[in-house]
Amino acid sequence: MSTPSKVSRRNWIKAVATAVSGIAALPLLGRTARAAPAKVTKAIAHYQDHPDGPKMCGRCRFFIPPGGEAGHGMMGGAMGPGMMHEGLCQVVQGHVSPRGYCLLYQPI
């Protein structure tokens, strides 16, 4: 379990706003010119490698399972042995555990 470092409220809000604006701009981009939205660090998102009750990355709309698509996590797609491996997130940098959690969690 990682201990989140202290992040100022101003920096956290700025990082979240950047990530949200990047995600919101995706529909405005052409199909051939899709840019990846800015991602926030795990520290800014207060990522933890364990769930917060029923809230976990594998049930989040931003979770991308190994070899899968976002929004098709544990509850949105078929459960299989690959579902318990680390995946990616559309808004948080690096690999994330399907049983992890952060403040940017959005249920499927």
C-alpha atoms as a PDB file:
ATOM      1  CA  MET A   1       0.000   0.000   0.000  1.00  0.00           C
ATOM      2  CA  SER A   2       1.418   3.354  -0.945  1.00  0.00           C
ATOM      3  CA  THR A   3       1.078   6.385   1.282  1.00  0.00           C
ATOM      4  CA  PRO A   4      -0.175   9.415  -0.638  1.00  0.00           C
ATOM      5  CA  SER A   5       2.002  12.495  -0.309  1.00  0.00           C
ATOM      6  CA  LYS A   6       0.415  15.774   0.685  1.00  0.00           C
ATOM      7  CA  VAL A   7      -0.782  17.706  -2.336  1.00  0.00           C
ATOM      8  CA  SER A   8      -2.077  21.240  -2.134  1.00  0.00           C
ATOM      9  CA  ARG A   9      -5.752  21.703  -2.867  1.00  0.00           C
ATOM     10  CA  ARG A  10      -4.913  24.147  -5.666  1.00  0.00           C
ATOM     11  CA  ASN A  11      -2.589  21.654  -7.440  1.00  0.00           C
ATOM     12  CA  TRP A  12      -5.097  18.816  -7.013  1.00  0.00           C
ATOM     13  CA  ILE A  13      -7.953  20.893  -8.487  1.00  0.00           C
ATOM     14  CA  LYS A  14      -5.724  22.050 -11.366  1.00  0.00           C
ATOM     15  CA  ALA A  15      -4.711  18.457 -12.193  1.00  0.00           C
ATOM     16  CA  VAL A  16      -8.293  17.165 -12.031  1.00  0.00           C
ATOM     17  CA  ALA A  17      -9.528  20.049 -14.191  1.00  0.00           C
ATOM     18  CA  THR A  18      -6.827  19.292 -16.760  1.00  0.00           C
ATOM     19  CA  ALA A  19      -7.774  15.616 -16.862  1.00  0.00           C
ATOM     20  CA  VAL A  20     -11.511  16.308 -17.087  1.00  0.00           C
ATOM     21  CA  SER A  21     -11.080  18.914 -19.815  1.00  0.00           C
ATOM     22  CA  GLY A  22      -8.922  16.495 -21.790  1.00  0.00           C
ATOM     23  CA  ILE A  23     -11.556  13.779 -21.534  1.00  0.00           C
ATOM     24  CA  ALA A  24     -14.378  16.206 -22.360  1.00  0.00           C
ATOM     25  CA  ALA A  25     -12.535  17.378 -25.495  1.00  0.00           C
ATOM     26  CA  LEU A  26     -12.273  13.888 -27.009  1.00  0.00           C
ATOM     27  CA  PRO A  27     -15.635  13.989 -28.837  1.00  0.00           C
ATOM     28  CA  LEU A  28     -14.591  17.273 -30.462  1.00  0.00           C
ATOM     29  CA  LEU A  29     -11.529  15.754 -32.085  1.00  0.00           C
ATOM     30  CA  GLY A  30     -11.645  14.109 -35.494  1.00  0.00           C
ATOM     31  CA  ARG A  31     -11.400  10.320 -35.680  1.00  0.00           C
ATOM     32  CA  THR A  32      -7.946  10.509 -37.255  1.00  0.00           C
ATOM     33  CA  ALA A  33      -6.505  13.111 -34.891  1.00  0.00           C
ATOM     34  CA  ARG A  34      -7.272  11.816 -31.399  1.00  0.00           C
ATOM     35  CA  ALA A  35      -4.909  13.150 -28.768  1.00  0.00           C
ATOM     36  CA  ALA A  36      -4.496  11.417 -25.445  1.00  0.00           C
ATOM     37  CA  PRO A  37      -5.949  13.438 -22.572  1.00  0.00           C
ATOM     38  CA  ALA A  38      -3.604  14.605 -19.834  1.00  0.00           C
ATOM     39  CA  LYS A  39      -3.385  12.125 -16.987  1.00  0.00           C
ATOM     40  CA  VAL A  40      -2.880  12.911 -13.321  1.00  0.00           C
ATOM     41  CA  THR A  41      -0.365  11.200 -11.070  1.00  0.00           C
ATOM     42  CA  LYS A  42      -1.407   8.535  -8.595  1.00  0.00           C
ATOM     43  CA  ALA A  43      -0.519  10.883  -5.737  1.00  0.00           C
ATOM     44  CA  ILE A  44      -2.822  13.637  -7.006  1.00  0.00           C
ATOM     45  CA  ALA A  45      -5.673  11.157  -7.529  1.00  0.00           C
ATOM     46  CA  HIS A  46      -4.980   9.632  -4.079  1.00  0.00           C
ATOM     47  CA  TYR A  47      -4.708   6.184  -5.687  1.00  0.00           C
ATOM     48  CA  GLN A  48      -4.568   3.216  -3.337  1.00  0.00           C
ATOM     49  CA  ASP A  49      -4.089  -0.426  -4.295  1.00  0.00           C
ATOM     50  CA  HIS A  50      -7.125  -1.598  -2.314  1.00  0.00           C
ATOM     51  CA  PRO A  51     -10.855  -0.863  -2.769  1.00  0.00           C
ATOM     52  CA  ASP A  52     -12.954   1.649  -0.873  1.00  0.00           C
ATOM     53  CA  GLY A  53     -15.868  -0.629  -0.036  1.00  0.00           C
ATOM     54  CA  PRO A  54     -17.488  -1.605  -3.350  1.00  0.00           C
ATOM     55  CA  LYS A  55     -15.652   1.179  -5.221  1.00  0.00           C
ATOM     56  CA  MET A  56     -12.706  -0.206  -7.178  1.00  0.00           C
ATOM     57  CA  CYS A  57     -10.908   0.439 -10.447  1.00  0.00           C
ATOM     58  CA  GLY A  58     -12.295  -2.720 -12.058  1.00  0.00           C
ATOM     59  CA  ARG A  59     -15.784  -1.226 -11.684  1.00  0.00           C
ATOM     60  CA  CYS A  60     -14.797   2.250 -12.895  1.00  0.00           C
ATOM     61  CA  ARG A  61     -15.634   3.684 -16.319  1.00  0.00           C
ATOM     62  CA  PHE A  62     -12.009   4.828 -16.775  1.00  0.00           C
ATOM     63  CA  PHE A  63     -10.422   1.401 -16.123  1.00  0.00           C
ATOM     64  CA  ILE A  64      -8.900  -0.355 -19.149  1.00  0.00           C
ATOM     65  CA  PRO A  65      -8.350  -4.070 -18.440  1.00  0.00           C
ATOM     66  CA  PRO A  66      -5.374  -5.811 -20.057  1.00  0.00           C
ATOM     67  CA  GLY A  67      -6.184  -6.048 -23.771  1.00  0.00           C
ATOM     68  CA  GLY A  68      -9.603  -4.445 -23.267  1.00  0.00           C
ATOM     69  CA  GLU A  69     -11.553  -1.250 -23.695  1.00  0.00           C
ATOM     70  CA  ALA A  70     -12.379   1.403 -21.118  1.00  0.00           C
ATOM     71  CA  GLY A  71     -15.741   1.003 -19.435  1.00  0.00           C
ATOM     72  CA  HIS A  72     -15.659  -2.768 -19.749  1.00  0.00           C
ATOM     73  CA  GLY A  73     -14.155  -3.615 -16.375  1.00  0.00           C
ATOM     74  CA  MET A  74     -15.182  -6.419 -14.055  1.00  0.00           C
ATOM     75  CA  MET A  75     -18.847  -5.488 -14.003  1.00  0.00           C
ATOM     76  CA  GLY A  76     -19.124  -4.258 -17.599  1.00  0.00           C
ATOM     77  CA  GLY A  77     -17.581  -7.265 -19.311  1.00  0.00           C
ATOM     78  CA  ALA A  78     -16.948 -10.934 -18.894  1.00  0.00           C
ATOM     79  CA  MET A  79     -15.014 -11.964 -15.809  1.00  0.00           C
ATOM     80  CA  GLY A  80     -11.983 -14.052 -16.594  1.00  0.00           C
ATOM     81  CA  PRO A  81      -8.519 -14.823 -15.296  1.00  0.00           C
ATOM     82  CA  GLY A  82      -7.147 -11.737 -17.071  1.00  0.00           C
ATOM     83  CA  MET A  83      -9.485  -9.431 -15.126  1.00  0.00           C
ATOM     84  CA  MET A  84      -7.357  -9.639 -11.980  1.00  0.00           C
ATOM     85  CA  HIS A  85      -4.198  -8.367 -13.714  1.00  0.00           C
ATOM     86  CA  GLU A  86      -3.160  -4.741 -13.656  1.00  0.00           C
ATOM     87  CA  GLY A  87      -4.668  -2.549 -16.314  1.00  0.00           C
ATOM     88  CA  LEU A  88      -4.499   1.083 -17.320  1.00  0.00           C
ATOM     89  CA  CYS A  89      -6.625   4.105 -16.525  1.00  0.00           C
ATOM     90  CA  GLN A  90      -7.824   6.853 -18.832  1.00  0.00           C
ATOM     91  CA  VAL A  91      -7.198   9.552 -16.215  1.00  0.00           C
ATOM     92  CA  VAL A  92      -4.430   8.235 -13.901  1.00  0.00           C
ATOM     93  CA  GLN A  93      -0.844   7.601 -14.995  1.00  0.00           C
ATOM     94  CA  GLY A  94       0.687   4.134 -14.923  1.00  0.00           C
ATOM     95  CA  HIS A  95      -0.711   0.681 -14.277  1.00  0.00           C
ATOM     96  CA  VAL A  96      -3.545   0.301 -11.780  1.00  0.00           C
ATOM     97  CA  SER A  97      -4.913  -2.701  -9.945  1.00  0.00           C
ATOM     98  CA  PRO A  98      -8.509  -3.698 -10.718  1.00  0.00           C
ATOM     99  CA  ARG A  99      -8.960  -3.786  -6.930  1.00  0.00           C
ATOM    100  CA  GLY A 100      -7.448  -0.297  -6.509  1.00  0.00           C
ATOM    101  CA  TYR A 101      -9.334   2.959  -5.935  1.00  0.00           C
ATOM    102  CA  CYS A 102      -8.832   6.718  -6.356  1.00  0.00           C
ATOM    103  CA  LEU A 103     -10.848   9.903  -5.912  1.00  0.00           C
ATOM    104  CA  LEU A 104     -11.656  10.036  -9.649  1.00  0.00           C
ATOM    105  CA  TYR A 105     -13.709   6.825  -9.482  1.00  0.00           C
ATOM    106  CA  GLN A 106     -16.813   6.856 -11.700  1.00  0.00           C
ATOM    107  CA  PRO A 107     -19.062   3.759 -11.662  1.00  0.00           C
ATOM    108  CA  ILE A 108     -19.804   2.025 -14.950  1.00  0.00           C
END
